[in-house]
Amino acid sequence: MKVAPSLLSCDFSKMGEEIVRVDQAGADLIHLDVMDGHFVPNITMGPAVIAGVRPYTKLPFDVHLMIDDPLKYIDAFADAGADIITFHAEAGSDIAATIAKINARGLKAGLVIKPKTPAEVVFPYLSELYMVVVMTVEPGFGGQSFMADMMPKVTVLKEECRRRGLSVQIEADGGISEKTVGAAAAVGVDICVSGTGVFKAKDTAAAIRFLQNADRKG
C-alpha cells in the first residue's frame, strides 16, 4: 500500500520542512487538502501555497479539491505543481468536463465520493480516471474517526475495475492510522491518506512503514 501523508495535520508554520520530513521518512505521495469554506466548512490552502511548497520534494502532489466549482480552478492547480487532481462527484462542476480538463493538462484525474455517496456514481467515468477516492470520514476536518463501514465501497469498485479490465487506483482518505489501516488493507486499498497517523507519530518513518506493509500484518 502506498502512503500519502496529509498536510492538513502538519505544522503549517513550517510546511516545507514537514514535507521534507515525510519524504525522507519514505512517503509515496504528498496529499494536499484544498477547502473553500463552501463545499466543506473549513478553509485551508490554495494554488499559491501549493506552488510555494512544490520545490521541497519531487514526490507526486496528490491535490484533493473540496471546492464547489473544481473545473474553474484546474489550470491554477496544474500550474501550481499538482500531479494528481481529485475532486468530488458531489461538487457543482460537470464531472466529465472536469476529468477531461485534468487529463488535457497531462495530469492524473481522480473522483472522490463522500460517505453517503454510493460507489456506483463513479462507474460511468472509470475508464477516464487514474484514481477513485473513498472518503472514510466526512470531508472538512482532520483528526476524525475512521468509518470502517465504507470499506465495502472499495470492494465494489475493485470488482467493477476487474470486470472492465481497468487498473484504477483506489485511495482511502480519513482516519487511517496503525489502528485502522488493517481494514483498508484487507479490501485491497492501493493508497491510504494519513494525517495525524503520520505527522503526530513518535517515529514518522516507522509509522509510514507500518501503513505500507499493513497487508502483511493481517
C-alpha atoms as a PDB file:
ATOM      1  CA  MET A   1       0.000   0.000   0.000  1.00  0.00           C
ATOM      2  CA  LYS A   2       1.235   3.482  -0.851  1.00  0.00           C
ATOM      3  CA  VAL A   3       1.067   6.184   1.807  1.00  0.00           C
ATOM      4  CA  ALA A   4       0.093   9.803   1.169  1.00  0.00           C
ATOM      5  CA  PRO A   5       0.629  11.892   4.316  1.00  0.00           C
ATOM      6  CA  SER A   6      -1.969  14.650   4.534  1.00  0.00           C
ATOM      7  CA  LEU A   7      -0.504  18.091   5.119  1.00  0.00           C
ATOM      8  CA  LEU A   8      -3.726  19.038   6.882  1.00  0.00           C
ATOM      9  CA  SER A   9      -2.115  17.554  10.006  1.00  0.00           C
ATOM     10  CA  CYS A  10       1.336  19.084   9.608  1.00  0.00           C
ATOM     11  CA  ASP A  11       2.776  22.155  11.337  1.00  0.00           C
ATOM     12  CA  PHE A  12       1.641  24.897   8.942  1.00  0.00           C
ATOM     13  CA  SER A  13       4.318  27.272  10.235  1.00  0.00           C
ATOM     14  CA  LYS A  14       6.991  25.072   8.651  1.00  0.00           C
ATOM     15  CA  MET A  15       5.142  23.260   5.891  1.00  0.00           C
ATOM     16  CA  GLY A  16       8.177  22.938   3.637  1.00  0.00           C
ATOM     17  CA  GLU A  17      10.219  21.249   6.341  1.00  0.00           C
ATOM     18  CA  GLU A  18       7.306  18.964   7.192  1.00  0.00           C
ATOM     19  CA  ILE A  19       7.176  17.818   3.559  1.00  0.00           C
ATOM     20  CA  VAL A  20      10.906  17.081   3.637  1.00  0.00           C
ATOM     21  CA  ARG A  21      10.427  15.112   6.870  1.00  0.00           C
ATOM     22  CA  VAL A  22       7.797  12.740   5.459  1.00  0.00           C
ATOM     23  CA  ASP A  23       9.639  12.496   2.137  1.00  0.00           C
ATOM     24  CA  GLN A  24      12.787  11.340   3.907  1.00  0.00           C
ATOM     25  CA  ALA A  25      10.685   9.009   6.068  1.00  0.00           C
ATOM     26  CA  GLY A  26       9.526   7.098   2.994  1.00  0.00           C
ATOM     27  CA  ALA A  27       6.194   8.641   1.924  1.00  0.00           C
ATOM     28  CA  ASP A  28       4.986   7.762  -1.583  1.00  0.00           C
ATOM     29  CA  LEU A  29       2.920  10.873  -2.300  1.00  0.00           C
ATOM     30  CA  ILE A  30       2.067  14.162  -0.607  1.00  0.00           C
ATOM     31  CA  HIS A  31      -1.653  14.765  -0.038  1.00  0.00           C
ATOM     32  CA  LEU A  32      -2.826  18.382  -0.111  1.00  0.00           C
ATOM     33  CA  ASP A  33      -6.370  19.194   1.006  1.00  0.00           C
ATOM     34  CA  VAL A  34      -7.895  22.257  -0.646  1.00  0.00           C
ATOM     35  CA  MET A  35     -11.055  23.546   1.076  1.00  0.00           C
ATOM     36  CA  ASP A  36     -13.045  26.625   0.119  1.00  0.00           C
ATOM     37  CA  GLY A  37     -15.315  27.156   3.125  1.00  0.00           C
ATOM     38  CA  HIS A  38     -18.388  26.485   0.952  1.00  0.00           C
ATOM     39  CA  PHE A  39     -18.282  22.875  -0.208  1.00  0.00           C
ATOM     40  CA  VAL A  40     -16.922  21.962   3.227  1.00  0.00           C
ATOM     41  CA  PRO A  41     -16.975  24.084   6.402  1.00  0.00           C
ATOM     42  CA  ASN A  42     -13.253  24.754   6.514  1.00  0.00           C
ATOM     43  CA  ILE A  43     -10.695  26.822   4.597  1.00  0.00           C
ATOM     44  CA  THR A  44      -7.156  25.566   4.057  1.00  0.00           C
ATOM     45  CA  MET A  45      -4.850  26.305   1.118  1.00  0.00           C
ATOM     46  CA  GLY A  46      -4.914  27.414  -2.495  1.00  0.00           C
ATOM     47  CA  PRO A  47      -2.665  27.344  -5.553  1.00  0.00           C
ATOM     48  CA  ALA A  48      -0.190  29.897  -4.149  1.00  0.00           C
ATOM     49  CA  VAL A  49       0.587  27.724  -1.122  1.00  0.00           C
ATOM     50  CA  ILE A  50       0.970  24.607  -3.253  1.00  0.00           C
ATOM     51  CA  ALA A  51       3.312  26.430  -5.634  1.00  0.00           C
ATOM     52  CA  GLY A  52       5.292  27.664  -2.635  1.00  0.00           C
ATOM     53  CA  VAL A  53       5.952  24.198  -1.228  1.00  0.00           C
ATOM     54  CA  ARG A  54       6.378  22.401  -4.562  1.00  0.00           C
ATOM     55  CA  PRO A  55      10.202  22.815  -4.580  1.00  0.00           C
ATOM     56  CA  TYR A  56      10.580  20.907  -1.285  1.00  0.00           C
ATOM     57  CA  THR A  57      10.057  17.439  -2.806  1.00  0.00           C
ATOM     58  CA  LYS A  58       9.929  15.502  -6.051  1.00  0.00           C
ATOM     59  CA  LEU A  59       7.165  13.265  -4.722  1.00  0.00           C
ATOM     60  CA  PRO A  60       3.844  13.460  -6.584  1.00  0.00           C
ATOM     61  CA  PHE A  61       1.429  16.073  -5.264  1.00  0.00           C
ATOM     62  CA  ASP A  62      -1.978  14.471  -4.719  1.00  0.00           C
ATOM     63  CA  VAL A  63      -4.259  17.539  -4.638  1.00  0.00           C
ATOM     64  CA  HIS A  64      -7.744  16.922  -3.225  1.00  0.00           C
ATOM     65  CA  LEU A  65     -10.171  19.681  -4.204  1.00  0.00           C
ATOM     66  CA  MET A  66     -13.026  20.100  -1.721  1.00  0.00           C
ATOM     67  CA  ILE A  67     -14.461  23.097  -3.548  1.00  0.00           C
ATOM     68  CA  ASP A  68     -17.759  23.986  -5.215  1.00  0.00           C
ATOM     69  CA  ASP A  69     -16.521  24.552  -8.775  1.00  0.00           C
ATOM     70  CA  PRO A  70     -13.369  22.495  -9.391  1.00  0.00           C
ATOM     71  CA  LEU A  71     -13.474  22.885 -13.191  1.00  0.00           C
ATOM     72  CA  LYS A  72     -12.870  26.617 -12.826  1.00  0.00           C
ATOM     73  CA  TYR A  73      -9.597  26.049 -10.959  1.00  0.00           C
ATOM     74  CA  ILE A  74      -7.946  23.095 -12.733  1.00  0.00           C
ATOM     75  CA  ASP A  75      -5.488  25.314 -14.618  1.00  0.00           C
ATOM     76  CA  ALA A  76      -4.481  27.151 -11.450  1.00  0.00           C
ATOM     77  CA  PHE A  77      -3.684  23.952  -9.569  1.00  0.00           C
ATOM     78  CA  ALA A  78      -1.972  22.407 -12.585  1.00  0.00           C
ATOM     79  CA  ASP A  79       0.238  25.482 -12.869  1.00  0.00           C
ATOM     80  CA  ALA A  80       0.962  25.302  -9.114  1.00  0.00           C
ATOM     81  CA  GLY A  81       2.529  21.849  -9.473  1.00  0.00           C
ATOM     82  CA  ALA A  82      -0.206  19.282  -8.924  1.00  0.00           C
ATOM     83  CA  ASP A  83       0.456  15.819 -10.326  1.00  0.00           C
ATOM     84  CA  ILE A  84      -2.880  14.277  -9.399  1.00  0.00           C
ATOM     85  CA  ILE A  85      -6.076  16.313  -9.032  1.00  0.00           C
ATOM     86  CA  THR A  86      -9.048  14.698  -7.338  1.00  0.00           C
ATOM     87  CA  PHE A  87     -12.435  16.366  -6.990  1.00  0.00           C
ATOM     88  CA  HIS A  88     -15.825  15.456  -5.582  1.00  0.00           C
ATOM     89  CA  ALA A  89     -18.616  13.807  -7.523  1.00  0.00           C
ATOM     90  CA  GLU A  90     -20.937  15.913  -5.335  1.00  0.00           C
ATOM     91  CA  ALA A  91     -19.386  19.244  -6.431  1.00  0.00           C
ATOM     92  CA  GLY A  92     -21.087  21.624  -8.851  1.00  0.00           C
ATOM     93  CA  SER A  93     -18.885  21.167 -11.909  1.00  0.00           C
ATOM     94  CA  ASP A  94     -19.732  18.825 -14.769  1.00  0.00           C
ATOM     95  CA  ILE A  95     -17.870  15.631 -13.881  1.00  0.00           C
ATOM     96  CA  ALA A  96     -16.912  14.532 -17.390  1.00  0.00           C
ATOM     97  CA  ALA A  97     -15.733  18.021 -18.361  1.00  0.00           C
ATOM     98  CA  THR A  98     -13.627  18.335 -15.216  1.00  0.00           C
ATOM     99  CA  ILE A  99     -11.969  14.951 -15.764  1.00  0.00           C
ATOM    100  CA  ALA A 100     -11.296  15.888 -19.390  1.00  0.00           C
ATOM    101  CA  LYS A 101      -9.705  19.168 -18.324  1.00  0.00           C
ATOM    102  CA  ILE A 102      -7.384  17.430 -15.851  1.00  0.00           C
ATOM    103  CA  ASN A 103      -6.368  14.847 -18.422  1.00  0.00           C
ATOM    104  CA  ALA A 104      -5.859  17.541 -21.070  1.00  0.00           C
ATOM    105  CA  ARG A 105      -3.329  19.217 -18.779  1.00  0.00           C
ATOM    106  CA  GLY A 106      -1.357  15.967 -18.681  1.00  0.00           C
ATOM    107  CA  LEU A 107      -2.264  15.272 -15.064  1.00  0.00           C
ATOM    108  CA  LYS A 108      -3.896  12.269 -13.412  1.00  0.00           C
ATOM    109  CA  ALA A 109      -7.600  12.645 -12.614  1.00  0.00           C
ATOM    110  CA  GLY A 110      -9.400  11.284  -9.588  1.00  0.00           C
ATOM    111  CA  LEU A 111     -13.006  11.320  -8.430  1.00  0.00           C
ATOM    112  CA  VAL A 112     -13.893  11.482  -4.732  1.00  0.00           C
ATOM    113  CA  ILE A 113     -17.068  10.229  -3.063  1.00  0.00           C
ATOM    114  CA  LYS A 114     -18.370  11.248   0.347  1.00  0.00           C
ATOM    115  CA  PRO A 115     -19.547   8.626   2.849  1.00  0.00           C
ATOM    116  CA  LYS A 116     -23.211   8.920   1.794  1.00  0.00           C
ATOM    117  CA  THR A 117     -22.450   8.666  -1.942  1.00  0.00           C
ATOM    118  CA  PRO A 118     -22.654   5.163  -3.436  1.00  0.00           C
ATOM    119  CA  ALA A 119     -19.669   3.746  -5.300  1.00  0.00           C
ATOM    120  CA  GLU A 120     -21.759   3.248  -8.436  1.00  0.00           C
ATOM    121  CA  VAL A 121     -21.799   7.016  -9.032  1.00  0.00           C
ATOM    122  CA  VAL A 122     -18.238   6.808 -10.408  1.00  0.00           C
ATOM    123  CA  PHE A 123     -18.852   3.855 -12.747  1.00  0.00           C
ATOM    124  CA  PRO A 124     -19.596   5.973 -15.866  1.00  0.00           C
ATOM    125  CA  TYR A 125     -16.222   7.708 -15.515  1.00  0.00           C
ATOM    126  CA  LEU A 126     -13.898   4.872 -14.501  1.00  0.00           C
ATOM    127  CA  SER A 127     -12.226   4.477 -17.885  1.00  0.00           C
ATOM    128  CA  GLU A 128     -11.000   8.103 -17.753  1.00  0.00           C
ATOM    129  CA  LEU A 129      -9.764   8.030 -14.161  1.00  0.00           C
ATOM    130  CA  TYR A 130      -6.423   7.273 -12.561  1.00  0.00           C
ATOM    131  CA  MET A 131      -7.903   7.162  -9.064  1.00  0.00           C
ATOM    132  CA  VAL A 132     -11.116   6.913  -7.080  1.00  0.00           C
ATOM    133  CA  VAL A 133     -11.027   8.260  -3.528  1.00  0.00           C
ATOM    134  CA  VAL A 134     -13.358   6.751  -0.937  1.00  0.00           C
ATOM    135  CA  MET A 135     -13.796   9.167   1.958  1.00  0.00           C
ATOM    136  CA  THR A 136     -13.656   7.327   5.259  1.00  0.00           C
ATOM    137  CA  VAL A 137     -14.642  10.456   7.204  1.00  0.00           C
ATOM    138  CA  GLU A 138     -16.934  13.370   6.367  1.00  0.00           C
ATOM    139  CA  PRO A 139     -14.654  15.795   4.479  1.00  0.00           C
ATOM    140  CA  GLY A 140     -13.714  19.078   6.110  1.00  0.00           C
ATOM    141  CA  PHE A 141     -11.529  18.492   9.142  1.00  0.00           C
ATOM    142  CA  GLY A 142      -8.597  16.288  10.106  1.00  0.00           C
ATOM    143  CA  GLY A 143      -8.439  14.038  13.140  1.00  0.00           C
ATOM    144  CA  GLN A 144     -11.805  12.321  12.632  1.00  0.00           C
ATOM    145  CA  SER A 145     -12.584   8.669  13.330  1.00  0.00           C
ATOM    146  CA  PHE A 146     -12.225   6.116  10.543  1.00  0.00           C
ATOM    147  CA  MET A 147     -15.514   4.802   9.134  1.00  0.00           C
ATOM    148  CA  ALA A 148     -14.888   1.097   8.546  1.00  0.00           C
ATOM    149  CA  ASP A 149     -18.345   0.702   7.004  1.00  0.00           C
ATOM    150  CA  MET A 150     -17.030   2.498   3.898  1.00  0.00           C
ATOM    151  CA  MET A 151     -14.792  -0.448   3.007  1.00  0.00           C
ATOM    152  CA  PRO A 152     -17.483  -2.351   1.049  1.00  0.00           C
ATOM    153  CA  LYS A 153     -17.353   0.522  -1.464  1.00  0.00           C
ATOM    154  CA  VAL A 154     -13.713  -0.351  -2.127  1.00  0.00           C
ATOM    155  CA  THR A 155     -14.712  -3.948  -2.837  1.00  0.00           C
ATOM    156  CA  VAL A 156     -17.450  -2.800  -5.243  1.00  0.00           C
ATOM    157  CA  LEU A 157     -15.023  -0.521  -7.083  1.00  0.00           C
ATOM    158  CA  LYS A 158     -12.310  -3.174  -7.269  1.00  0.00           C
ATOM    159  CA  GLU A 159     -14.751  -5.707  -8.665  1.00  0.00           C
ATOM    160  CA  GLU A 160     -16.037  -3.292 -11.320  1.00  0.00           C
ATOM    161  CA  CYS A 161     -12.494  -2.381 -12.354  1.00  0.00           C
ATOM    162  CA  ARG A 162     -11.586  -6.053 -12.652  1.00  0.00           C
ATOM    163  CA  ARG A 163     -14.715  -6.751 -14.679  1.00  0.00           C
ATOM    164  CA  ARG A 164     -13.792  -3.991 -17.124  1.00  0.00           C
ATOM    165  CA  GLY A 165     -10.057  -4.669 -17.181  1.00  0.00           C
ATOM    166  CA  LEU A 166      -9.179  -1.293 -15.636  1.00  0.00           C
ATOM    167  CA  SER A 167      -6.280  -0.554 -13.281  1.00  0.00           C
ATOM    168  CA  VAL A 168      -7.762   2.387 -11.371  1.00  0.00           C
ATOM    169  CA  GLN A 169      -6.089   3.168  -8.049  1.00  0.00           C
ATOM    170  CA  ILE A 170      -8.404   3.139  -5.024  1.00  0.00           C
ATOM    171  CA  GLU A 171      -7.463   5.584  -2.286  1.00  0.00           C
ATOM    172  CA  ALA A 172      -8.973   5.684   1.199  1.00  0.00           C
ATOM    173  CA  ASP A 173      -8.933   9.067   2.912  1.00  0.00           C
ATOM    174  CA  GLY A 174      -9.691   9.821   6.533  1.00  0.00           C
ATOM    175  CA  GLY A 175      -8.881   8.500   9.978  1.00  0.00           C
ATOM    176  CA  ILE A 176      -6.291   5.976   8.824  1.00  0.00           C
ATOM    177  CA  SER A 177      -3.648   5.062  11.390  1.00  0.00           C
ATOM    178  CA  GLU A 178      -1.877   1.961  12.685  1.00  0.00           C
ATOM    179  CA  LYS A 179      -5.098   1.013  14.492  1.00  0.00           C
ATOM    180  CA  THR A 180      -7.400   1.269  11.463  1.00  0.00           C
ATOM    181  CA  VAL A 181      -5.278   0.530   8.404  1.00  0.00           C
ATOM    182  CA  GLY A 182      -5.911  -3.211   8.600  1.00  0.00           C
ATOM    183  CA  ALA A 183      -9.482  -2.748   7.401  1.00  0.00           C
ATOM    184  CA  ALA A 184      -8.249  -0.803   4.376  1.00  0.00           C
ATOM    185  CA  ALA A 185      -5.547  -3.338   3.594  1.00  0.00           C
ATOM    186  CA  ALA A 186      -7.991  -6.239   3.852  1.00  0.00           C
ATOM    187  CA  VAL A 187     -10.075  -4.940   0.918  1.00  0.00           C
ATOM    188  CA  GLY A 188      -7.081  -4.025  -1.227  1.00  0.00           C
ATOM    189  CA  VAL A 189      -6.861  -0.247  -0.872  1.00  0.00           C
ATOM    190  CA  ASP A 190      -3.964   0.906  -3.075  1.00  0.00           C
ATOM    191  CA  ILE A 191      -3.213   4.262  -1.419  1.00  0.00           C
ATOM    192  CA  CYS A 192      -4.057   5.441   2.072  1.00  0.00           C
ATOM    193  CA  VAL A 193      -4.136   9.063   3.157  1.00  0.00           C
ATOM    194  CA  SER A 194      -2.945   9.507   6.716  1.00  0.00           C
ATOM    195  CA  GLY A 195      -2.652  12.817   8.510  1.00  0.00           C
ATOM    196  CA  THR A 196      -2.375  12.554  12.269  1.00  0.00           C
ATOM    197  CA  GLY A 197      -1.321   8.905  11.897  1.00  0.00           C
ATOM    198  CA  VAL A 198       1.900  10.082  10.254  1.00  0.00           C
ATOM    199  CA  PHE A 199       2.576  13.641  11.373  1.00  0.00           C
ATOM    200  CA  LYS A 200       1.778  13.026  15.055  1.00  0.00           C
ATOM    201  CA  ALA A 201       3.603   9.692  15.250  1.00  0.00           C
ATOM    202  CA  LYS A 202       6.625   9.449  17.533  1.00  0.00           C
ATOM    203  CA  ASP A 203       8.584   7.747  14.740  1.00  0.00           C
ATOM    204  CA  THR A 204       7.461   9.044  11.355  1.00  0.00           C
ATOM    205  CA  ALA A 205       9.405   6.517   9.281  1.00  0.00           C
ATOM    206  CA  ALA A 206       8.143   3.599  11.354  1.00  0.00           C
ATOM    207  CA  ALA A 207       4.549   4.812  11.051  1.00  0.00           C
ATOM    208  CA  ILE A 208       4.821   5.059   7.268  1.00  0.00           C
ATOM    209  CA  ARG A 209       6.438   1.621   7.002  1.00  0.00           C
ATOM    210  CA  PHE A 210       3.688   0.098   9.131  1.00  0.00           C
ATOM    211  CA  LEU A 211       0.992   1.518   6.845  1.00  0.00           C
ATOM    212  CA  GLN A 212       2.843   0.452   3.703  1.00  0.00           C
ATOM    213  CA  ASN A 213       3.151  -3.120   4.975  1.00  0.00           C
ATOM    214  CA  ALA A 214      -0.260  -3.386   6.605  1.00  0.00           C
ATOM    215  CA  ASP A 215      -1.380  -6.073   4.157  1.00  0.00           C
ATOM    216  CA  ARG A 216       1.288  -8.355   5.621  1.00  0.00           C
ATOM    217  CA  LYS A 217       0.184  -7.750   9.198  1.00  0.00           C
ATOM    218  CA  GLY A 218      -3.199  -9.412   8.864  1.00  0.00           C
END
